Amino acid sequence: MAREIRIPLLLLFLSLAAVSASAQSDNLLLNPNADLHMQSWQKWGDATVEAVNGNNCFVVRNGGHFFQDVVLPDDAVGKYVVFVGQGASERVNPDGSVTDLPYLYGYMFGEAQGGKHRVLDYLQGMLGRSRFPNEWVKMRGIFRVPEGAVKIRFYLKQGLGRGVERDGSAARFDDVGLYIFPTEEAARAFIRR
């Protein structure tokens, strides 16, 4: 009798694990932790990889940035993309300005027309607001993939507030990710973890 109970419990456990695994998505970014330095990333301006306490991270200064293009799977339309990452800034402005703070940013592109991809959506609102210099904070955002989207450009950037000049302070990034989930609820559950 005990054997009959164990088999259904085992099957229940395995089916729950399968459902959980199917809701889990893989990181679509290559080299998300700078372990391979700048491999798979394009840089613009003052952007580099530096070791912080023995851990490589992406670093931008003076408005420099990194970006990576990710081709979306054919079945991505209507699903939800999640941007995640950790960021830290050497500069925290007492007036609350965003200048030099780290932020994740992106575009969703449609098919190329005349050699250029058309921007379908601007993916923004993922600013890392630290309370004090060099504090690591989480950045994240959830976005629905619109009809016609074929590619995402994922940026690691610095904020620039109106009337507040850059001073060469570094914004650092680590553990960045781009994931796709079938539902908004699955995307939100992933972020809560």
N, C-alpha and C. Protein backbone atom coordinates (compact mmCIF):
# COMPACT_ATOMS: atom_id res chain seq x y z
N MET A 1 0.82 -1.20 0.00
CA MET A 1 0.00 0.00 0.00
C MET A 1 0.86 1.26 0.00
N ALA A 2 1.92 1.26 0.76
CA ALA A 2 2.81 2.42 0.79
C ALA A 2 3.41 2.66 -0.60
N ARG A 3 3.67 1.60 -1.32
CA ARG A 3 4.25 1.72 -2.67
C ARG A 3 3.27 2.44 -3.61
N GLU A 4 1.98 2.18 -3.48
CA GLU A 4 0.99 2.83 -4.34
C GLU A 4 0.96 4.34 -4.08
N ILE A 5 1.16 4.76 -2.87
CA ILE A 5 1.13 6.19 -2.53
C ILE A 5 2.39 6.87 -3.06
N ARG A 6 3.53 6.21 -2.97
CA ARG A 6 4.79 6.82 -3.38
C ARG A 6 4.82 7.09 -4.88
N ILE A 7 4.32 6.18 -5.69
CA ILE A 7 4.37 6.37 -7.14
C ILE A 7 3.57 7.60 -7.57
N PRO A 8 2.30 7.76 -7.11
CA PRO A 8 1.58 8.98 -7.50
C PRO A 8 2.27 10.25 -6.99
N LEU A 9 2.84 10.21 -5.79
CA LEU A 9 3.56 11.39 -5.29
C LEU A 9 4.78 11.70 -6.16
N LEU A 10 5.48 10.67 -6.56
CA LEU A 10 6.63 10.86 -7.43
C LEU A 10 6.20 11.45 -8.77
N LEU A 11 5.11 10.94 -9.33
CA LEU A 11 4.61 11.47 -10.60
C LEU A 11 4.19 12.93 -10.46
N LEU A 12 3.54 13.26 -9.34
CA LEU A 12 3.14 14.64 -9.09
C LEU A 12 4.37 15.54 -9.01
N PHE A 13 5.38 15.11 -8.28
CA PHE A 13 6.61 15.88 -8.15
C PHE A 13 7.26 16.10 -9.52
N LEU A 14 7.36 15.04 -10.32
CA LEU A 14 7.97 15.15 -11.64
C LEU A 14 7.18 16.07 -12.57
N SER A 15 5.85 16.00 -12.50
CA SER A 15 5.04 16.86 -13.37
C SER A 15 5.17 18.33 -12.94
N LEU A 16 5.24 18.59 -11.62
CA LEU A 16 5.44 19.97 -11.16
C LEU A 16 6.81 20.49 -11.59
N ALA A 17 7.83 19.65 -11.53
CA ALA A 17 9.17 20.04 -11.96
C ALA A 17 9.18 20.34 -13.46
N ALA A 18 8.46 19.56 -14.24
CA ALA A 18 8.39 19.79 -15.69
C ALA A 18 7.68 21.10 -16.00
N VAL A 19 6.59 21.40 -15.29
CA VAL A 19 5.88 22.65 -15.50
C VAL A 19 6.77 23.82 -15.13
N SER A 20 7.48 23.71 -14.01
CA SER A 20 8.38 24.77 -13.58
C SER A 20 9.49 24.98 -14.60
N ALA A 21 10.06 23.90 -15.11
CA ALA A 21 11.14 24.00 -16.09
C ALA A 21 10.65 24.62 -17.39
N SER A 22 9.42 24.31 -17.81
CA SER A 22 8.92 24.87 -19.06
C SER A 22 8.64 26.36 -18.92
N ALA A 23 8.34 26.82 -17.70
CA ALA A 23 8.10 28.24 -17.47
C ALA A 23 9.42 29.00 -17.34
N GLN A 24 10.50 28.29 -17.05
CA GLN A 24 11.81 28.90 -16.91
C GLN A 24 12.38 29.20 -18.29
N SER A 25 13.05 30.29 -18.41
CA SER A 25 13.63 30.70 -19.67
C SER A 25 15.15 30.77 -19.52
N ASP A 26 15.86 30.63 -20.63
CA ASP A 26 17.31 30.76 -20.63
C ASP A 26 17.70 32.20 -20.93
N ASN A 27 18.82 32.63 -20.38
CA ASN A 27 19.33 33.96 -20.66
C ASN A 27 19.73 34.03 -22.13
N LEU A 28 19.16 34.98 -22.87
CA LEU A 28 19.45 35.12 -24.28
C LEU A 28 20.70 35.96 -24.55
N LEU A 29 21.22 36.62 -23.50
CA LEU A 29 22.45 37.40 -23.67
C LEU A 29 23.66 36.48 -23.61
N LEU A 30 24.64 36.77 -24.43
CA LEU A 30 25.91 36.07 -24.38
C LEU A 30 26.86 36.86 -23.48
N ASN A 31 27.67 36.16 -22.71
CA ASN A 31 28.63 36.80 -21.80
C ASN A 31 27.96 37.82 -20.88
N PRO A 32 26.96 37.42 -20.11
CA PRO A 32 26.21 38.36 -19.28
C PRO A 32 26.94 38.86 -18.04
N ASN A 33 28.08 38.25 -17.71
CA ASN A 33 28.81 38.62 -16.49
C ASN A 33 30.20 39.17 -16.76
N ALA A 34 30.51 39.47 -18.01
CA ALA A 34 31.82 40.00 -18.40
C ALA A 34 32.95 39.02 -18.14
N ASP A 35 32.62 37.75 -17.93
CA ASP A 35 33.66 36.74 -17.70
C ASP A 35 34.59 36.62 -18.91
N LEU A 36 34.04 36.89 -20.10
CA LEU A 36 34.83 36.83 -21.34
C LEU A 36 35.18 38.25 -21.81
N HIS A 37 35.33 39.14 -20.84
CA HIS A 37 35.62 40.56 -21.08
C HIS A 37 34.55 41.16 -21.99
N MET A 38 34.91 41.72 -23.13
CA MET A 38 33.91 42.40 -23.97
C MET A 38 33.35 41.52 -25.07
N GLN A 39 33.70 40.25 -25.08
CA GLN A 39 33.20 39.35 -26.13
C GLN A 39 31.68 39.37 -26.18
N SER A 40 31.12 39.42 -27.38
CA SER A 40 29.68 39.43 -27.67
C SER A 40 29.01 40.78 -27.45
N TRP A 41 29.75 41.78 -27.00
CA TRP A 41 29.21 43.12 -26.76
C TRP A 41 29.87 44.11 -27.69
N GLN A 42 29.10 45.10 -28.13
CA GLN A 42 29.64 46.24 -28.86
C GLN A 42 29.79 47.37 -27.86
N LYS A 43 30.83 48.17 -28.02
CA LYS A 43 31.00 49.29 -27.10
C LYS A 43 31.01 50.59 -27.88
N TRP A 44 30.64 51.63 -27.20
CA TRP A 44 30.69 52.97 -27.75
C TRP A 44 31.25 53.88 -26.68
N GLY A 45 32.23 54.69 -27.03
CA GLY A 45 32.78 55.66 -26.08
C GLY A 45 33.57 55.00 -24.97
N ASP A 46 33.48 55.59 -23.80
CA ASP A 46 34.26 55.19 -22.63
C ASP A 46 33.57 53.99 -21.95
N ALA A 47 33.83 52.80 -22.48
CA ALA A 47 33.22 51.56 -21.97
C ALA A 47 34.30 50.48 -21.92
N THR A 48 34.37 49.77 -20.81
CA THR A 48 35.40 48.76 -20.63
C THR A 48 34.92 47.69 -19.65
N VAL A 49 35.76 46.70 -19.41
CA VAL A 49 35.52 45.69 -18.38
C VAL A 49 36.61 45.85 -17.34
N GLU A 50 36.20 45.89 -16.08
CA GLU A 50 37.16 46.02 -14.97
C GLU A 50 36.83 44.98 -13.92
N ALA A 51 37.85 44.61 -13.15
CA ALA A 51 37.64 43.70 -12.02
C ALA A 51 37.34 44.52 -10.77
N VAL A 52 36.28 44.13 -10.07
CA VAL A 52 35.92 44.74 -8.79
C VAL A 52 35.92 43.62 -7.77
N ASN A 53 36.82 43.69 -6.81
CA ASN A 53 36.97 42.61 -5.82
C ASN A 53 37.14 41.25 -6.49
N GLY A 54 37.91 41.22 -7.58
CA GLY A 54 38.19 39.97 -8.29
C GLY A 54 37.10 39.51 -9.24
N ASN A 55 36.03 40.28 -9.39
CA ASN A 55 34.91 39.92 -10.25
C ASN A 55 34.83 40.90 -11.42
N ASN A 56 34.88 40.38 -12.64
CA ASN A 56 34.75 41.25 -13.82
C ASN A 56 33.36 41.84 -13.90
N CYS A 57 33.29 43.10 -14.28
CA CYS A 57 31.99 43.73 -14.54
C CYS A 57 32.16 44.75 -15.66
N PHE A 58 31.04 45.08 -16.29
CA PHE A 58 31.01 46.09 -17.34
C PHE A 58 31.03 47.47 -16.69
N VAL A 59 31.83 48.39 -17.25
CA VAL A 59 31.96 49.73 -16.69
C VAL A 59 31.83 50.76 -17.80
N VAL A 60 30.99 51.77 -17.56
CA VAL A 60 30.85 52.87 -18.51
C VAL A 60 31.07 54.19 -17.79
N ARG A 61 31.66 55.13 -18.51
CA ARG A 61 31.91 56.48 -17.98
C ARG A 61 31.62 57.49 -19.09
N ASN A 62 31.33 58.72 -18.68
CA ASN A 62 31.20 59.84 -19.63
C ASN A 62 30.22 59.56 -20.77
N GLY A 63 29.15 58.82 -20.49
CA GLY A 63 28.13 58.55 -21.50
C GLY A 63 28.44 57.39 -22.41
N GLY A 64 29.54 56.68 -22.18
CA GLY A 64 29.82 55.49 -22.97
C GLY A 64 28.78 54.42 -22.69
N HIS A 65 28.72 53.40 -23.54
CA HIS A 65 27.76 52.32 -23.29
C HIS A 65 28.18 51.04 -24.02
N PHE A 66 27.57 49.96 -23.59
CA PHE A 66 27.66 48.66 -24.25
C PHE A 66 26.30 48.33 -24.82
N PHE A 67 26.28 47.52 -25.89
CA PHE A 67 25.01 46.97 -26.35
C PHE A 67 25.23 45.61 -26.99
N GLN A 68 24.16 44.83 -27.01
CA GLN A 68 24.17 43.52 -27.63
C GLN A 68 22.83 43.32 -28.33
N ASP A 69 22.86 42.85 -29.57
CA ASP A 69 21.64 42.55 -30.31
C ASP A 69 21.28 41.08 -30.12
N VAL A 70 20.00 40.83 -29.88
CA VAL A 70 19.49 39.48 -29.67
C VAL A 70 18.34 39.24 -30.65
N VAL A 71 18.49 38.23 -31.50
CA VAL A 71 17.43 37.86 -32.43
C VAL A 71 16.37 37.10 -31.65
N LEU A 72 15.13 37.52 -31.80
CA LEU A 72 14.03 36.88 -31.08
C LEU A 72 13.62 35.57 -31.75
N PRO A 73 13.19 34.58 -30.96
CA PRO A 73 12.67 33.35 -31.56
C PRO A 73 11.41 33.66 -32.38
N ASP A 74 11.10 32.81 -33.33
CA ASP A 74 9.95 33.02 -34.21
C ASP A 74 8.63 33.12 -33.45
N ASP A 75 8.53 32.46 -32.29
CA ASP A 75 7.27 32.44 -31.55
C ASP A 75 7.23 33.48 -30.42
N ALA A 76 8.06 34.51 -30.46
CA ALA A 76 8.17 35.48 -29.35
C ALA A 76 7.02 36.48 -29.29
N VAL A 77 6.36 36.76 -30.42
CA VAL A 77 5.30 37.77 -30.43
C VAL A 77 4.20 37.42 -29.43
N GLY A 78 3.82 38.42 -28.62
CA GLY A 78 2.79 38.22 -27.61
C GLY A 78 3.34 37.71 -26.28
N LYS A 79 4.60 37.28 -26.27
CA LYS A 79 5.22 36.84 -25.01
C LYS A 79 5.82 38.06 -24.31
N TYR A 80 6.50 37.80 -23.19
CA TYR A 80 7.04 38.88 -22.37
C TYR A 80 8.53 38.73 -22.20
N VAL A 81 9.27 39.81 -22.48
CA VAL A 81 10.71 39.81 -22.25
C VAL A 81 10.99 40.48 -20.91
N VAL A 82 11.99 39.95 -20.24
CA VAL A 82 12.42 40.48 -18.95
C VAL A 82 13.87 40.93 -19.08
N PHE A 83 14.12 42.17 -18.72
CA PHE A 83 15.48 42.69 -18.59
C PHE A 83 15.82 42.65 -17.11
N VAL A 84 17.00 42.16 -16.76
CA VAL A 84 17.47 42.19 -15.37
C VAL A 84 18.95 42.53 -15.36
N GLY A 85 19.40 43.01 -14.23
CA GLY A 85 20.82 43.28 -14.04
C GLY A 85 21.05 43.92 -12.69
N GLN A 86 22.30 43.97 -12.33
CA GLN A 86 22.70 44.69 -11.12
C GLN A 86 23.58 45.85 -11.55
N GLY A 87 23.45 46.96 -10.86
CA GLY A 87 24.24 48.13 -11.20
C GLY A 87 24.71 48.87 -9.96
N ALA A 88 25.81 49.57 -10.12
CA ALA A 88 26.36 50.40 -9.05
C ALA A 88 26.95 51.65 -9.68
N SER A 89 26.96 52.74 -8.93
CA SER A 89 27.51 53.98 -9.43
C SER A 89 28.48 54.56 -8.41
N GLU A 90 29.55 55.17 -8.91
CA GLU A 90 30.47 55.88 -8.03
C GLU A 90 29.84 57.20 -7.57
N ARG A 91 28.82 57.63 -8.27
CA ARG A 91 28.23 58.95 -8.01
C ARG A 91 26.77 58.80 -7.62
N VAL A 92 26.40 59.41 -6.51
CA VAL A 92 25.00 59.53 -6.12
C VAL A 92 24.77 61.02 -5.87
N ASN A 93 23.90 61.61 -6.67
CA ASN A 93 23.66 63.04 -6.61
C ASN A 93 22.70 63.39 -5.48
N PRO A 94 23.09 64.33 -4.58
CA PRO A 94 22.22 64.67 -3.45
C PRO A 94 20.88 65.27 -3.88
N ASP A 95 20.84 65.85 -5.10
CA ASP A 95 19.58 66.45 -5.57
C ASP A 95 18.67 65.43 -6.25
N GLY A 96 19.11 64.15 -6.30
CA GLY A 96 18.30 63.11 -6.92
C GLY A 96 18.46 62.99 -8.42
N SER A 97 19.37 63.75 -9.03
CA SER A 97 19.58 63.67 -10.47
C SER A 97 20.04 62.27 -10.85
N VAL A 98 19.68 61.86 -12.06
CA VAL A 98 20.04 60.53 -12.56
C VAL A 98 21.40 60.51 -13.24
N THR A 99 22.06 61.66 -13.36
CA THR A 99 23.34 61.71 -14.07
C THR A 99 24.33 60.71 -13.51
N ASP A 100 24.89 59.90 -14.42
CA ASP A 100 25.91 58.89 -14.17
C ASP A 100 25.40 57.62 -13.47
N LEU A 101 24.10 57.54 -13.16
CA LEU A 101 23.57 56.31 -12.58
C LEU A 101 23.44 55.24 -13.67
N PRO A 102 23.59 53.95 -13.30
CA PRO A 102 23.46 52.88 -14.28
C PRO A 102 22.00 52.66 -14.67
N TYR A 103 21.78 52.36 -15.93
CA TYR A 103 20.44 51.93 -16.30
C TYR A 103 20.48 50.99 -17.50
N LEU A 104 19.51 50.09 -17.51
CA LEU A 104 19.30 49.18 -18.63
C LEU A 104 18.30 49.83 -19.57
N TYR A 105 18.51 49.64 -20.84
CA TYR A 105 17.68 50.28 -21.84
C TYR A 105 17.63 49.37 -23.05
N GLY A 106 16.61 49.51 -23.87
CA GLY A 106 16.58 48.69 -25.07
C GLY A 106 15.63 49.20 -26.13
N TYR A 107 15.76 48.59 -27.30
CA TYR A 107 14.85 48.79 -28.42
C TYR A 107 14.32 47.43 -28.83
N MET A 108 13.07 47.41 -29.30
CA MET A 108 12.56 46.25 -30.03
C MET A 108 12.45 46.69 -31.48
N PHE A 109 13.08 45.91 -32.34
CA PHE A 109 13.13 46.24 -33.76
C PHE A 109 12.22 45.33 -34.56
N GLY A 110 11.67 45.89 -35.65
CA GLY A 110 10.96 45.11 -36.66
C GLY A 110 11.94 44.74 -37.77
N GLU A 111 11.42 44.12 -38.81
CA GLU A 111 12.25 43.74 -39.97
C GLU A 111 12.94 44.98 -40.54
N ALA A 112 14.13 44.76 -41.09
CA ALA A 112 14.88 45.85 -41.72
C ALA A 112 14.17 46.31 -42.98
N GLN A 113 14.13 47.62 -43.16
CA GLN A 113 13.56 48.22 -44.37
C GLN A 113 14.56 49.25 -44.87
N GLY A 114 15.04 49.07 -46.09
CA GLY A 114 16.04 49.99 -46.63
C GLY A 114 17.34 49.94 -45.86
N GLY A 115 17.68 48.78 -45.31
CA GLY A 115 18.93 48.62 -44.58
C GLY A 115 18.87 49.02 -43.12
N LYS A 116 17.75 49.57 -42.66
CA LYS A 116 17.61 49.98 -41.27
C LYS A 116 16.45 49.25 -40.62
N HIS A 117 16.65 48.90 -39.35
CA HIS A 117 15.56 48.29 -38.58
C HIS A 117 14.67 49.39 -38.02
N ARG A 118 13.38 49.17 -38.09
CA ARG A 118 12.41 50.12 -37.54
C ARG A 118 12.21 49.83 -36.06
N VAL A 119 12.29 50.87 -35.21
CA VAL A 119 12.08 50.71 -33.78
C VAL A 119 10.58 50.59 -33.51
N LEU A 120 10.18 49.46 -32.91
CA LEU A 120 8.78 49.23 -32.57
C LEU A 120 8.45 49.66 -31.15
N ASP A 121 9.44 49.60 -30.26
CA ASP A 121 9.20 49.95 -28.86
C ASP A 121 10.51 50.35 -28.20
N TYR A 122 10.43 51.32 -27.30
CA TYR A 122 11.57 51.75 -26.49
C TYR A 122 11.39 51.12 -25.11
N LEU A 123 12.39 50.38 -24.66
CA LEU A 123 12.30 49.64 -23.40
C LEU A 123 13.08 50.42 -22.35
N GLN A 124 12.37 51.12 -21.49
CA GLN A 124 13.01 52.02 -20.55
C GLN A 124 12.40 51.91 -19.16
N GLY A 125 12.94 52.70 -18.24
CA GLY A 125 12.43 52.70 -16.87
C GLY A 125 13.19 51.76 -15.93
N MET A 126 14.40 51.36 -16.33
CA MET A 126 15.17 50.39 -15.53
C MET A 126 16.43 51.03 -14.98
N LEU A 127 16.25 52.05 -14.15
CA LEU A 127 17.33 52.83 -13.57
C LEU A 127 17.76 52.22 -12.24
N GLY A 128 19.06 52.22 -11.99
CA GLY A 128 19.58 51.74 -10.71
C GLY A 128 19.81 52.90 -9.77
N ARG A 129 18.91 53.11 -8.82
CA ARG A 129 19.04 54.22 -7.87
C ARG A 129 19.67 53.73 -6.57
N SER A 130 20.93 54.08 -6.39
CA SER A 130 21.65 53.73 -5.17
C SER A 130 21.43 54.80 -4.11
N ARG A 131 21.51 54.40 -2.86
CA ARG A 131 21.42 55.36 -1.76
C ARG A 131 22.77 55.97 -1.45
N PHE A 132 23.84 55.20 -1.77
CA PHE A 132 25.19 55.70 -1.52
C PHE A 132 26.13 55.14 -2.59
N PRO A 133 27.29 55.79 -2.80
CA PRO A 133 28.20 55.36 -3.87
C PRO A 133 28.61 53.89 -3.75
N ASN A 134 28.68 53.25 -4.91
CA ASN A 134 29.14 51.86 -5.06
C ASN A 134 28.21 50.82 -4.43
N GLU A 135 26.99 51.19 -4.12
CA GLU A 135 25.99 50.23 -3.64
C GLU A 135 25.39 49.53 -4.86
N TRP A 136 25.39 48.19 -4.86
CA TRP A 136 24.80 47.42 -5.96
C TRP A 136 23.30 47.33 -5.76
N VAL A 137 22.57 47.66 -6.81
CA VAL A 137 21.10 47.61 -6.78
C VAL A 137 20.60 46.80 -7.98
N LYS A 138 19.38 46.29 -7.86
CA LYS A 138 18.78 45.52 -8.95
C LYS A 138 18.02 46.45 -9.89
N MET A 139 18.11 46.11 -11.18
CA MET A 139 17.35 46.81 -12.21
C MET A 139 16.57 45.76 -12.98
N ARG A 140 15.33 46.09 -13.35
CA ARG A 140 14.53 45.09 -14.06
C ARG A 140 13.35 45.76 -14.76
N GLY A 141 12.86 45.06 -15.76
CA GLY A 141 11.69 45.54 -16.48
C GLY A 141 11.07 44.40 -17.25
N ILE A 142 9.74 44.50 -17.46
CA ILE A 142 8.98 43.50 -18.22
C ILE A 142 8.30 44.21 -19.38
N PHE A 143 8.41 43.62 -20.57
CA PHE A 143 7.86 44.24 -21.78
C PHE A 143 7.22 43.19 -22.67
N ARG A 144 6.06 43.51 -23.21
CA ARG A 144 5.37 42.60 -24.13
C ARG A 144 5.98 42.73 -25.53
N VAL A 145 6.20 41.61 -26.19
CA VAL A 145 6.79 41.61 -27.53
C VAL A 145 5.68 41.94 -28.53
N PRO A 146 5.82 43.07 -29.26
CA PRO A 146 4.76 43.46 -30.21
C PRO A 146 4.82 42.68 -31.52
N GLU A 147 3.74 42.73 -32.23
CA GLU A 147 3.66 42.13 -33.56
C GLU A 147 4.77 42.69 -34.44
N GLY A 148 5.45 41.83 -35.16
CA GLY A 148 6.50 42.25 -36.08
C GLY A 148 7.89 42.36 -35.48
N ALA A 149 8.03 42.19 -34.16
CA ALA A 149 9.36 42.31 -33.53
C ALA A 149 10.23 41.12 -33.91
N VAL A 150 11.47 41.42 -34.29
CA VAL A 150 12.40 40.36 -34.69
C VAL A 150 13.71 40.41 -33.90
N LYS A 151 13.98 41.54 -33.24
CA LYS A 151 15.27 41.70 -32.58
C LYS A 151 15.16 42.69 -31.44
N ILE A 152 15.99 42.48 -30.40
CA ILE A 152 16.09 43.42 -29.28
C ILE A 152 17.54 43.88 -29.20
N ARG A 153 17.71 45.17 -28.99
CA ARG A 153 19.03 45.72 -28.67
C ARG A 153 19.02 46.04 -27.17
N PHE A 154 19.92 45.39 -26.44
CA PHE A 154 20.02 45.50 -24.98
C PHE A 154 21.20 46.41 -24.66
N TYR A 155 20.96 47.53 -23.96
CA TYR A 155 21.99 48.51 -23.64
C TYR A 155 22.34 48.52 -22.16
N LEU A 156 23.62 48.81 -21.88
CA LEU A 156 24.11 49.15 -20.55
C LEU A 156 24.55 50.61 -20.65
N LYS A 157 23.81 51.52 -20.00
CA LYS A 157 24.03 52.95 -20.18
C LYS A 157 24.14 53.69 -18.85
N GLN A 158 24.40 55.00 -18.96
CA GLN A 158 24.42 55.91 -17.81
C GLN A 158 23.34 56.97 -18.00
N GLY A 159 22.71 57.32 -16.89
CA GLY A 159 21.71 58.37 -16.94
C GLY A 159 22.35 59.75 -17.15
N LEU A 160 21.55 60.67 -17.65
CA LEU A 160 21.98 62.05 -17.82
C LEU A 160 20.80 62.96 -17.47
N GLY A 161 20.90 63.61 -16.33
CA GLY A 161 19.84 64.51 -15.88
C GLY A 161 20.00 65.90 -16.48
N ARG A 162 18.91 66.58 -16.64
CA ARG A 162 18.92 67.93 -17.20
C ARG A 162 19.70 68.87 -16.28
N GLY A 163 20.69 69.54 -16.86
CA GLY A 163 21.45 70.55 -16.12
C GLY A 163 22.53 70.00 -15.19
N VAL A 164 22.75 68.68 -15.19
CA VAL A 164 23.78 68.08 -14.33
C VAL A 164 24.82 67.42 -15.23
N GLU A 165 26.02 67.96 -15.25
CA GLU A 165 27.08 67.47 -16.14
C GLU A 165 27.68 66.17 -15.62
N ARG A 166 28.20 65.38 -16.54
CA ARG A 166 28.95 64.18 -16.18
C ARG A 166 30.28 64.60 -15.55
N ASP A 167 30.79 63.76 -14.64
CA ASP A 167 32.08 64.07 -14.01
C ASP A 167 33.09 62.94 -14.12
N GLY A 168 32.83 61.97 -15.03
CA GLY A 168 33.76 60.85 -15.20
C GLY A 168 33.51 59.69 -14.26
N SER A 169 32.47 59.78 -13.45
CA SER A 169 32.15 58.69 -12.52
C SER A 169 31.74 57.44 -13.28
N ALA A 170 32.06 56.30 -12.71
CA ALA A 170 31.76 55.01 -13.34
C ALA A 170 30.38 54.51 -12.93
N ALA A 171 29.70 53.89 -13.89
CA ALA A 171 28.52 53.07 -13.62
C ALA A 171 28.93 51.64 -13.95
N ARG A 172 28.64 50.71 -13.05
CA ARG A 172 29.06 49.31 -13.23
C ARG A 172 27.84 48.41 -13.36
N PHE A 173 28.02 47.32 -14.13
CA PHE A 173 26.94 46.37 -14.39
C PHE A 173 27.46 44.95 -14.23
N ASP A 174 26.60 44.08 -13.72
CA ASP A 174 26.92 42.66 -13.60
C ASP A 174 25.62 41.87 -13.61
N ASP A 175 25.74 40.58 -13.89
CA ASP A 175 24.58 39.67 -13.86
C ASP A 175 23.41 40.18 -14.69
N VAL A 176 23.70 40.64 -15.91
CA VAL A 176 22.63 41.15 -16.77
C VAL A 176 21.97 39.98 -17.49
N GLY A 177 20.70 40.15 -17.81
CA GLY A 177 19.99 39.06 -18.48
C GLY A 177 18.81 39.54 -19.29
N LEU A 178 18.50 38.76 -20.30
CA LEU A 178 17.33 38.98 -21.16
C LEU A 178 16.64 37.64 -21.28
N TYR A 179 15.39 37.55 -20.82
CA TYR A 179 14.65 36.29 -20.78
C TYR A 179 13.30 36.49 -21.44
N ILE A 180 12.73 35.41 -21.94
CA ILE A 180 11.39 35.44 -22.54
C ILE A 180 10.50 34.46 -21.79
N PHE A 181 9.28 34.92 -21.47
CA PHE A 181 8.31 34.09 -20.76
C PHE A 181 6.98 34.12 -21.51
N PRO A 182 6.22 33.02 -21.42
CA PRO A 182 4.96 32.95 -22.17
C PRO A 182 3.87 33.89 -21.64
N THR A 183 3.94 34.22 -20.35
CA THR A 183 2.90 35.08 -19.76
C THR A 183 3.54 36.15 -18.88
N GLU A 184 2.78 37.21 -18.64
CA GLU A 184 3.25 38.26 -17.75
C GLU A 184 3.39 37.73 -16.33
N GLU A 185 2.50 36.82 -15.94
CA GLU A 185 2.57 36.24 -14.58
C GLU A 185 3.87 35.45 -14.40
N ALA A 186 4.28 34.69 -15.41
CA ALA A 186 5.54 33.94 -15.32
C ALA A 186 6.72 34.89 -15.25
N ALA A 187 6.66 35.98 -16.01
CA ALA A 187 7.74 36.99 -15.98
C ALA A 187 7.84 37.63 -14.61
N ARG A 188 6.69 37.98 -14.02
CA ARG A 188 6.68 38.60 -12.68
C ARG A 188 7.18 37.62 -11.61
N ALA A 189 6.82 36.36 -11.75
CA ALA A 189 7.29 35.35 -10.79
C ALA A 189 8.80 35.22 -10.86
N PHE A 190 9.35 35.27 -12.07
CA PHE A 190 10.81 35.20 -12.25
C PHE A 190 11.49 36.38 -11.56
N ILE A 191 10.96 37.57 -11.73
CA ILE A 191 11.55 38.77 -11.12
C ILE A 191 11.47 38.69 -9.59
N ARG A 192 10.37 38.15 -9.06
CA ARG A 192 10.23 38.06 -7.60
C ARG A 192 11.29 37.14 -7.00
N ARG A 193 11.72 36.13 -7.77
CA ARG A 193 12.76 35.23 -7.27
C ARG A 193 14.04 35.94 -7.29
